[in-house]
Amino acid sequence: MEEIRKRWEIAQVEERKAHTNNYEDGIQHYEGAYTQYFGHLQCGFYLRGKTIMEIGCADFAALGYCSGLGAGHIIEPLPSWMLKKQIEGKPITIYKKPAEEMEVIPVDEVWLFNVYQHVLDPYKIFEYAKKCGKVVRFFEPIDLPLDVCHLHSLSLEDFRGVFGDCVKLYKSKPDVKNFHAADCAYGVWKNPESL
């Protein structure tokens, strides 16, 4: 565990270097990205009083674009000034530690968008999300090579092993704007105990 922790700490610093948007460009870029996530996951920017947990949003959170939020919980070990500025005045709490080390926080939904490659243990993240949320919405790249920033690579079958039949395949579109140019697994998992 100590070895993966060291690799993870290095990966956090290296990944942060890859985020080079200024605030104004970043706000615009990620609004386009989250619009596409929400289109695939049948949700919108108005939340009707729901409590939402978002794990690993880096500089720009999906929750920062939303209205009607009951309460928000962002788990981001390295929150930037841009993230803090984006969510200022919203009913959102930031937790500055890995989700693997968090206590369960019951929420209506947990959102996982392009995060599992950057965590200590993706399977612990998935199980944590399922314990916290009545619904887990996820959109994650699959079958990618590992590097200093990306510590894990899972397949569509791996996601189906965790989330079951709700998992769908997004086929890569190299010319897409503000979105994934890689194949992804996505879906909406619903906790059978909350149905």
C-alpha atoms as a PDB file:
ATOM      1  CA  MET A   1       0.000   0.000   0.000  1.00  0.00           C
ATOM      2  CA  GLU A   2       2.902   2.339   0.724  1.00  0.00           C
ATOM      3  CA  GLU A   3       4.212   1.878  -2.826  1.00  0.00           C
ATOM      4  CA  ILE A   4       0.861   2.750  -4.443  1.00  0.00           C
ATOM      5  CA  ARG A   5       0.515   5.727  -2.080  1.00  0.00           C
ATOM      6  CA  LYS A   6       3.862   7.130  -3.272  1.00  0.00           C
ATOM      7  CA  ARG A   7       2.924   6.575  -6.928  1.00  0.00           C
ATOM      8  CA  TRP A   8      -0.460   8.208  -6.286  1.00  0.00           C
ATOM      9  CA  GLU A   9       1.113  11.278  -4.662  1.00  0.00           C
ATOM     10  CA  ILE A  10       3.440  11.724  -7.664  1.00  0.00           C
ATOM     11  CA  ALA A  11       0.504  11.200 -10.051  1.00  0.00           C
ATOM     12  CA  GLN A  12      -1.515  13.933  -8.314  1.00  0.00           C
ATOM     13  CA  VAL A  13       1.265  16.468  -8.817  1.00  0.00           C
ATOM     14  CA  GLU A  14       1.899  15.425 -12.434  1.00  0.00           C
ATOM     15  CA  GLU A  15      -1.798  15.454 -13.331  1.00  0.00           C
ATOM     16  CA  ARG A  16      -2.186  18.920 -11.845  1.00  0.00           C
ATOM     17  CA  LYS A  17       0.533  20.109 -14.273  1.00  0.00           C
ATOM     18  CA  ALA A  18      -1.620  18.907 -17.189  1.00  0.00           C
ATOM     19  CA  HIS A  19      -4.452  21.261 -16.186  1.00  0.00           C
ATOM     20  CA  THR A  20      -3.304  24.444 -17.920  1.00  0.00           C
ATOM     21  CA  ASN A  21      -6.614  26.241 -18.574  1.00  0.00           C
ATOM     22  CA  ASN A  22      -7.061  29.706 -17.174  1.00  0.00           C
ATOM     23  CA  TYR A  23     -10.262  30.174 -15.196  1.00  0.00           C
ATOM     24  CA  GLU A  24     -12.413  31.655 -17.973  1.00  0.00           C
ATOM     25  CA  ASP A  25     -11.364  29.094 -20.607  1.00  0.00           C
ATOM     26  CA  GLY A  26     -11.728  26.252 -18.107  1.00  0.00           C
ATOM     27  CA  ILE A  27     -15.260  27.287 -17.153  1.00  0.00           C
ATOM     28  CA  GLN A  28     -16.296  27.260 -20.799  1.00  0.00           C
ATOM     29  CA  HIS A  29     -14.473  24.030 -21.677  1.00  0.00           C
ATOM     30  CA  TYR A  30     -15.867  22.009 -18.795  1.00  0.00           C
ATOM     31  CA  GLU A  31     -19.410  23.287 -19.252  1.00  0.00           C
ATOM     32  CA  GLY A  32     -19.268  21.666 -22.693  1.00  0.00           C
ATOM     33  CA  ALA A  33     -17.853  18.463 -21.234  1.00  0.00           C
ATOM     34  CA  TYR A  34     -20.435  18.211 -18.445  1.00  0.00           C
ATOM     35  CA  THR A  35     -23.260  18.908 -20.893  1.00  0.00           C
ATOM     36  CA  GLN A  36     -22.134  15.825 -22.804  1.00  0.00           C
ATOM     37  CA  TYR A  37     -21.790  13.713 -19.633  1.00  0.00           C
ATOM     38  CA  PHE A  38     -25.290  14.697 -18.543  1.00  0.00           C
ATOM     39  CA  GLY A  39     -26.723  13.918 -21.973  1.00  0.00           C
ATOM     40  CA  HIS A  40     -25.443  10.351 -21.774  1.00  0.00           C
ATOM     41  CA  LEU A  41     -26.465   9.904 -18.138  1.00  0.00           C
ATOM     42  CA  GLN A  42     -30.032  11.275 -18.330  1.00  0.00           C
ATOM     43  CA  CYS A  43     -29.571  14.081 -15.842  1.00  0.00           C
ATOM     44  CA  GLY A  44     -29.518  17.827 -16.029  1.00  0.00           C
ATOM     45  CA  PHE A  45     -28.144  20.938 -14.395  1.00  0.00           C
ATOM     46  CA  TYR A  46     -31.208  21.574 -12.210  1.00  0.00           C
ATOM     47  CA  LEU A  47     -31.049  19.169  -9.243  1.00  0.00           C
ATOM     48  CA  ARG A  48     -34.452  19.595  -7.517  1.00  0.00           C
ATOM     49  CA  GLY A  49     -33.013  19.679  -3.986  1.00  0.00           C
ATOM     50  CA  LYS A  50     -30.943  16.487  -4.300  1.00  0.00           C
ATOM     51  CA  THR A  51     -27.809  15.810  -2.275  1.00  0.00           C
ATOM     52  CA  ILE A  52     -24.895  14.994  -4.578  1.00  0.00           C
ATOM     53  CA  MET A  53     -21.363  13.731  -4.011  1.00  0.00           C
ATOM     54  CA  GLU A  54     -18.806  14.322  -6.775  1.00  0.00           C
ATOM     55  CA  ILE A  55     -15.493  12.487  -6.522  1.00  0.00           C
ATOM     56  CA  GLY A  56     -12.286  13.844  -8.057  1.00  0.00           C
ATOM     57  CA  CYS A  57     -13.382  16.846 -10.103  1.00  0.00           C
ATOM     58  CA  ALA A  58      -9.976  18.604 -10.270  1.00  0.00           C
ATOM     59  CA  ASP A  59     -10.389  22.337 -11.059  1.00  0.00           C
ATOM     60  CA  PHE A  60     -13.980  22.453 -12.345  1.00  0.00           C
ATOM     61  CA  ALA A  61     -16.812  20.511 -10.728  1.00  0.00           C
ATOM     62  CA  ALA A  62     -19.999  19.445 -12.454  1.00  0.00           C
ATOM     63  CA  LEU A  63     -21.764  20.659  -9.303  1.00  0.00           C
ATOM     64  CA  GLY A  64     -20.408  24.149  -9.935  1.00  0.00           C
ATOM     65  CA  TYR A  65     -22.648  24.433 -13.006  1.00  0.00           C
ATOM     66  CA  CYS A  66     -25.782  23.165 -11.261  1.00  0.00           C
ATOM     67  CA  SER A  67     -28.666  24.925  -9.545  1.00  0.00           C
ATOM     68  CA  GLY A  68     -31.302  23.615  -7.155  1.00  0.00           C
ATOM     69  CA  LEU A  69     -28.724  21.634  -5.154  1.00  0.00           C
ATOM     70  CA  GLY A  70     -29.837  20.545  -1.695  1.00  0.00           C
ATOM     71  CA  ALA A  71     -26.275  19.890  -0.514  1.00  0.00           C
ATOM     72  CA  GLY A  72     -23.080  18.982  -2.303  1.00  0.00           C
ATOM     73  CA  HIS A  73     -20.002  17.035  -1.246  1.00  0.00           C
ATOM     74  CA  ILE A  74     -16.865  17.238  -3.357  1.00  0.00           C
ATOM     75  CA  ILE A  75     -14.034  14.846  -2.591  1.00  0.00           C
ATOM     76  CA  GLU A  76     -10.890  16.382  -4.093  1.00  0.00           C
ATOM     77  CA  PRO A  77      -7.535  15.808  -2.356  1.00  0.00           C
ATOM     78  CA  LEU A  78      -5.909  18.807  -4.083  1.00  0.00           C
ATOM     79  CA  PRO A  79      -8.577  21.502  -4.466  1.00  0.00           C
ATOM     80  CA  SER A  80      -7.365  24.485  -6.458  1.00  0.00           C
ATOM     81  CA  TRP A  81      -8.282  28.144  -6.111  1.00  0.00           C
ATOM     82  CA  MET A  82     -10.291  27.726  -9.337  1.00  0.00           C
ATOM     83  CA  LEU A  83     -12.466  25.015  -7.813  1.00  0.00           C
ATOM     84  CA  LYS A  84     -13.016  27.111  -4.689  1.00  0.00           C
ATOM     85  CA  LYS A  85     -13.934  30.138  -6.806  1.00  0.00           C
ATOM     86  CA  GLN A  86     -16.319  28.123  -8.997  1.00  0.00           C
ATOM     87  CA  ILE A  87     -18.357  26.770  -6.069  1.00  0.00           C
ATOM     88  CA  GLU A  88     -18.219  29.900  -3.904  1.00  0.00           C
ATOM     89  CA  GLY A  89     -21.618  30.650  -2.383  1.00  0.00           C
ATOM     90  CA  LYS A  90     -23.033  27.203  -3.190  1.00  0.00           C
ATOM     91  CA  PRO A  91     -24.053  24.678  -0.505  1.00  0.00           C
ATOM     92  CA  ILE A  92     -20.997  22.502  -1.211  1.00  0.00           C
ATOM     93  CA  THR A  93     -18.368  21.092   1.163  1.00  0.00           C
ATOM     94  CA  ILE A  94     -14.911  20.099  -0.106  1.00  0.00           C
ATOM     95  CA  TYR A  95     -13.133  17.141   1.507  1.00  0.00           C
ATOM     96  CA  LYS A  96      -9.363  17.281   0.966  1.00  0.00           C
ATOM     97  CA  LYS A  97      -8.531  13.596   1.198  1.00  0.00           C
ATOM     98  CA  PRO A  98      -8.831  10.458  -0.910  1.00  0.00           C
ATOM     99  CA  ALA A  99     -12.318   8.962  -1.096  1.00  0.00           C
ATOM    100  CA  GLU A 100     -10.816   5.640   0.007  1.00  0.00           C
ATOM    101  CA  GLU A 101     -10.255   7.259   3.421  1.00  0.00           C
ATOM    102  CA  MET A 102     -13.670   8.906   3.770  1.00  0.00           C
ATOM    103  CA  GLU A 103     -16.526   7.956   6.061  1.00  0.00           C
ATOM    104  CA  VAL A 104     -19.800   7.076   4.330  1.00  0.00           C
ATOM    105  CA  ILE A 105     -21.910  10.154   3.599  1.00  0.00           C
ATOM    106  CA  PRO A 106     -25.470   9.198   2.554  1.00  0.00           C
ATOM    107  CA  VAL A 107     -26.502  11.126  -0.586  1.00  0.00           C
ATOM    108  CA  ASP A 108     -29.046  10.860  -3.353  1.00  0.00           C
ATOM    109  CA  GLU A 109     -26.384  10.510  -6.066  1.00  0.00           C
ATOM    110  CA  VAL A 110     -22.634  10.017  -6.496  1.00  0.00           C
ATOM    111  CA  TRP A 111     -20.935  11.243  -9.674  1.00  0.00           C
ATOM    112  CA  LEU A 112     -17.747   9.694 -11.075  1.00  0.00           C
ATOM    113  CA  PHE A 113     -16.504  11.465 -14.199  1.00  0.00           C
ATOM    114  CA  ASN A 114     -13.050  10.555 -15.511  1.00  0.00           C
ATOM    115  CA  VAL A 115     -11.625   9.841 -12.064  1.00  0.00           C
ATOM    116  CA  TYR A 116     -10.804   6.145 -11.529  1.00  0.00           C
ATOM    117  CA  GLN A 117      -7.417   6.312 -13.292  1.00  0.00           C
ATOM    118  CA  HIS A 118      -6.271   8.885 -10.723  1.00  0.00           C
ATOM    119  CA  VAL A 119      -7.220   7.193  -7.437  1.00  0.00           C
ATOM    120  CA  LEU A 120      -5.482   4.860  -5.008  1.00  0.00           C
ATOM    121  CA  ASP A 121      -7.866   1.943  -5.623  1.00  0.00           C
ATOM    122  CA  PRO A 122     -10.697   2.212  -8.169  1.00  0.00           C
ATOM    123  CA  TYR A 123     -12.591  -0.747  -6.733  1.00  0.00           C
ATOM    124  CA  LYS A 124     -12.665   0.865  -3.286  1.00  0.00           C
ATOM    125  CA  ILE A 125     -13.953   4.071  -4.905  1.00  0.00           C
ATOM    126  CA  PHE A 126     -16.729   2.178  -6.682  1.00  0.00           C
ATOM    127  CA  GLU A 127     -17.778   0.362  -3.508  1.00  0.00           C
ATOM    128  CA  TYR A 128     -17.651   3.615  -1.533  1.00  0.00           C
ATOM    129  CA  ALA A 129     -19.862   5.309  -4.136  1.00  0.00           C
ATOM    130  CA  LYS A 130     -22.370   2.448  -3.949  1.00  0.00           C
ATOM    131  CA  LYS A 131     -22.476   2.672  -0.138  1.00  0.00           C
ATOM    132  CA  CYS A 132     -23.066   6.438  -0.206  1.00  0.00           C
ATOM    133  CA  GLY A 133     -25.456   6.910  -3.105  1.00  0.00           C
ATOM    134  CA  LYS A 134     -28.924   5.736  -3.990  1.00  0.00           C
ATOM    135  CA  VAL A 135     -27.726   6.333  -7.563  1.00  0.00           C
ATOM    136  CA  VAL A 136     -24.193   6.310  -9.016  1.00  0.00           C
ATOM    137  CA  ARG A 137     -23.671   8.059 -12.360  1.00  0.00           C
ATOM    138  CA  PHE A 138     -20.332   7.308 -13.998  1.00  0.00           C
ATOM    139  CA  PHE A 139     -18.519   8.008 -17.244  1.00  0.00           C
ATOM    140  CA  GLU A 140     -14.967   6.644 -17.366  1.00  0.00           C
ATOM    141  CA  PRO A 141     -12.353   5.919 -20.066  1.00  0.00           C
ATOM    142  CA  ILE A 142     -11.414   2.283 -20.623  1.00  0.00           C
ATOM    143  CA  ASP A 143      -8.536   0.238 -22.059  1.00  0.00           C
ATOM    144  CA  LEU A 144      -5.957   3.024 -21.904  1.00  0.00           C
ATOM    145  CA  PRO A 145      -2.216   2.644 -21.288  1.00  0.00           C
ATOM    146  CA  LEU A 146      -0.761   3.412 -17.880  1.00  0.00           C
ATOM    147  CA  ASP A 147       1.587   6.331 -17.277  1.00  0.00           C
ATOM    148  CA  VAL A 148       2.805   8.515 -14.422  1.00  0.00           C
ATOM    149  CA  CYS A 149      -0.601  10.285 -14.169  1.00  0.00           C
ATOM    150  CA  HIS A 150      -2.857   7.301 -14.899  1.00  0.00           C
ATOM    151  CA  LEU A 151      -2.318   4.451 -12.461  1.00  0.00           C
ATOM    152  CA  HIS A 152      -5.172   2.143 -13.490  1.00  0.00           C
ATOM    153  CA  SER A 153      -6.788   0.860 -16.660  1.00  0.00           C
ATOM    154  CA  LEU A 154     -10.065  -1.039 -16.606  1.00  0.00           C
ATOM    155  CA  SER A 155     -12.155  -2.649 -19.329  1.00  0.00           C
ATOM    156  CA  LEU A 156     -15.862  -2.551 -20.105  1.00  0.00           C
ATOM    157  CA  GLU A 157     -16.101  -6.019 -18.535  1.00  0.00           C
ATOM    158  CA  ASP A 158     -14.452  -4.738 -15.352  1.00  0.00           C
ATOM    159  CA  PHE A 159     -17.145  -2.055 -15.067  1.00  0.00           C
ATOM    160  CA  ARG A 160     -19.883  -4.609 -15.723  1.00  0.00           C
ATOM    161  CA  GLY A 161     -18.412  -6.730 -12.924  1.00  0.00           C
ATOM    162  CA  VAL A 162     -18.958  -3.821 -10.524  1.00  0.00           C
ATOM    163  CA  PHE A 163     -22.099  -2.102 -11.840  1.00  0.00           C
ATOM    164  CA  GLY A 164     -23.858  -4.870 -13.791  1.00  0.00           C
ATOM    165  CA  ASP A 165     -26.106  -4.490 -16.820  1.00  0.00           C
ATOM    166  CA  CYS A 166     -26.430  -0.697 -16.604  1.00  0.00           C
ATOM    167  CA  VAL A 167     -22.937  -0.312 -18.136  1.00  0.00           C
ATOM    168  CA  LYS A 168     -22.870   0.954 -21.731  1.00  0.00           C
ATOM    169  CA  LEU A 169     -20.066   1.541 -24.214  1.00  0.00           C
ATOM    170  CA  TYR A 170     -19.241   5.004 -25.530  1.00  0.00           C
ATOM    171  CA  LYS A 171     -17.279   4.606 -28.762  1.00  0.00           C
ATOM    172  CA  SER A 172     -14.456   7.058 -29.226  1.00  0.00           C
ATOM    173  CA  LYS A 173     -14.937  10.019 -31.529  1.00  0.00           C
ATOM    174  CA  PRO A 174     -11.545  11.547 -32.343  1.00  0.00           C
ATOM    175  CA  ASP A 175     -13.018  14.833 -33.629  1.00  0.00           C
ATOM    176  CA  VAL A 176     -15.301  15.441 -30.626  1.00  0.00           C
ATOM    177  CA  LYS A 177     -14.956  18.808 -28.859  1.00  0.00           C
ATOM    178  CA  ASN A 178     -14.494  19.132 -25.074  1.00  0.00           C
ATOM    179  CA  PHE A 179     -14.996  15.413 -24.514  1.00  0.00           C
ATOM    180  CA  HIS A 180     -13.434  11.960 -24.636  1.00  0.00           C
ATOM    181  CA  ALA A 181     -11.464  10.789 -27.636  1.00  0.00           C
ATOM    182  CA  ALA A 182     -11.224   7.328 -26.021  1.00  0.00           C
ATOM    183  CA  ASP A 183     -13.715   4.501 -25.541  1.00  0.00           C
ATOM    184  CA  CYS A 184     -15.537   4.809 -22.207  1.00  0.00           C
ATOM    185  CA  ALA A 185     -17.798   2.841 -19.888  1.00  0.00           C
ATOM    186  CA  TYR A 186     -20.811   4.766 -18.635  1.00  0.00           C
ATOM    187  CA  GLY A 187     -24.049   4.134 -16.854  1.00  0.00           C
ATOM    188  CA  VAL A 188     -26.505   4.873 -14.078  1.00  0.00           C
ATOM    189  CA  TRP A 189     -26.395   2.340 -11.246  1.00  0.00           C
ATOM    190  CA  LYS A 190     -29.346   2.290  -8.841  1.00  0.00           C
ATOM    191  CA  ASN A 191     -29.092   0.811  -5.373  1.00  0.00           C
ATOM    192  CA  PRO A 192     -31.709  -1.950  -5.230  1.00  0.00           C
ATOM    193  CA  GLU A 193     -32.305  -1.185  -1.522  1.00  0.00           C
ATOM    194  CA  SER A 194     -33.455   2.355  -2.358  1.00  0.00           C
ATOM    195  CA  LEU A 195     -35.907   1.436  -5.141  1.00  0.00           C
END
